[in-house]
């Protein structure tokens, strides 16, 4: 979740700590406790996240359109 712990918060914490990252978004599809996401980031990155996710979505769609997926 963007605010408060999400379904996969323990794993999100592990990734953030082990990578030394400032922020992490973890999206899980069909995981052991279901599909969900967790996010840990400071406020400035949290506010930037919608634009970042839009860029990711645009790139996925572009890759698909180019036959790369």
Protein backbone atom coordinates (compact mmCIF):
# COMPACT_ATOMS: atom_id res chain seq x y z
CA UNK A 1 0.00 0.00 0.00
CA UNK A 2 1.11 3.55 -0.52
CA UNK A 3 0.17 4.38 3.08
CA UNK A 4 0.58 1.77 5.80
CA UNK A 5 1.71 -1.84 5.44
CA UNK A 6 0.57 -3.84 2.42
CA UNK A 7 0.14 -7.58 1.92
CA UNK A 8 3.79 -8.11 1.13
CA UNK A 9 5.27 -5.57 3.52
CA UNK A 10 7.74 -8.00 5.12
CA UNK A 11 9.21 -8.86 1.71
CA UNK A 12 9.20 -5.21 0.69
CA UNK A 13 11.21 -4.36 3.82
CA UNK A 14 13.67 -7.15 3.05
CA UNK A 15 14.25 -5.94 -0.51
CA UNK A 16 14.63 -2.32 0.62
CA UNK A 17 17.09 -3.19 3.37
CA UNK A 18 19.13 -5.70 1.36
CA UNK A 19 19.46 -3.37 -1.62
CA UNK A 20 19.99 -0.20 0.40
CA UNK A 21 17.20 1.40 -1.60
CA UNK A 22 15.46 4.64 -0.72
CA UNK A 23 12.14 3.17 -1.81
CA UNK A 24 10.60 -0.05 -3.08
CA UNK A 25 7.40 -0.96 -4.84
CA UNK A 26 6.75 -4.69 -4.80
CA UNK A 27 3.96 -6.01 -7.03
CA UNK A 28 3.15 -9.70 -6.69
CA UNK A 29 0.96 -11.64 -9.12
CA UNK A 30 -0.51 -14.88 -7.80
CA UNK A 31 1.77 -15.07 -4.77
CA UNK A 32 1.48 -17.42 -1.82
CA UNK A 33 -0.91 -15.01 -0.07
CA UNK A 34 -2.55 -13.71 -3.22
CA UNK A 35 -2.02 -10.86 -5.63
CA UNK A 36 -1.07 -7.57 -4.04
CA UNK A 37 1.53 -4.90 -3.57
CA UNK A 38 3.50 -3.11 -0.92
CA UNK A 39 5.35 0.15 -1.10
CA UNK A 40 7.91 1.76 1.16
CA UNK A 41 9.17 5.19 0.16
CA UNK A 42 9.61 8.68 1.55
CA UNK A 43 6.86 11.20 0.80
CA UNK A 44 8.59 12.75 -2.22
CA UNK A 45 8.94 9.37 -3.95
CA UNK A 46 5.42 8.37 -2.96
CA UNK A 47 4.10 11.50 -4.66
CA UNK A 48 6.21 10.79 -7.76
CA UNK A 49 5.02 7.17 -7.98
CA UNK A 50 1.96 7.69 -10.22
CA UNK A 51 4.12 9.34 -12.89
CA UNK A 52 6.77 6.63 -12.56
CA UNK A 53 4.15 3.89 -12.94
CA UNK A 54 2.68 5.64 -15.98
CA UNK A 55 6.15 5.63 -17.58
CA UNK A 56 6.52 1.93 -16.81
CA UNK A 57 3.08 1.20 -18.29
CA UNK A 58 3.92 3.22 -21.42
CA UNK A 59 7.15 1.25 -21.86
CA UNK A 60 5.37 -2.10 -21.45
CA UNK A 61 2.79 -1.06 -24.06
CA UNK A 62 5.52 0.16 -26.42
CA UNK A 63 7.43 -3.11 -26.05
CA UNK A 64 4.25 -5.02 -26.79
CA UNK A 65 3.50 -2.89 -29.85
CA UNK A 66 7.02 -3.58 -31.15
CA UNK A 67 6.50 -7.32 -30.69
CA UNK A 68 8.98 -7.61 -27.85
CA UNK A 69 6.45 -9.23 -25.54
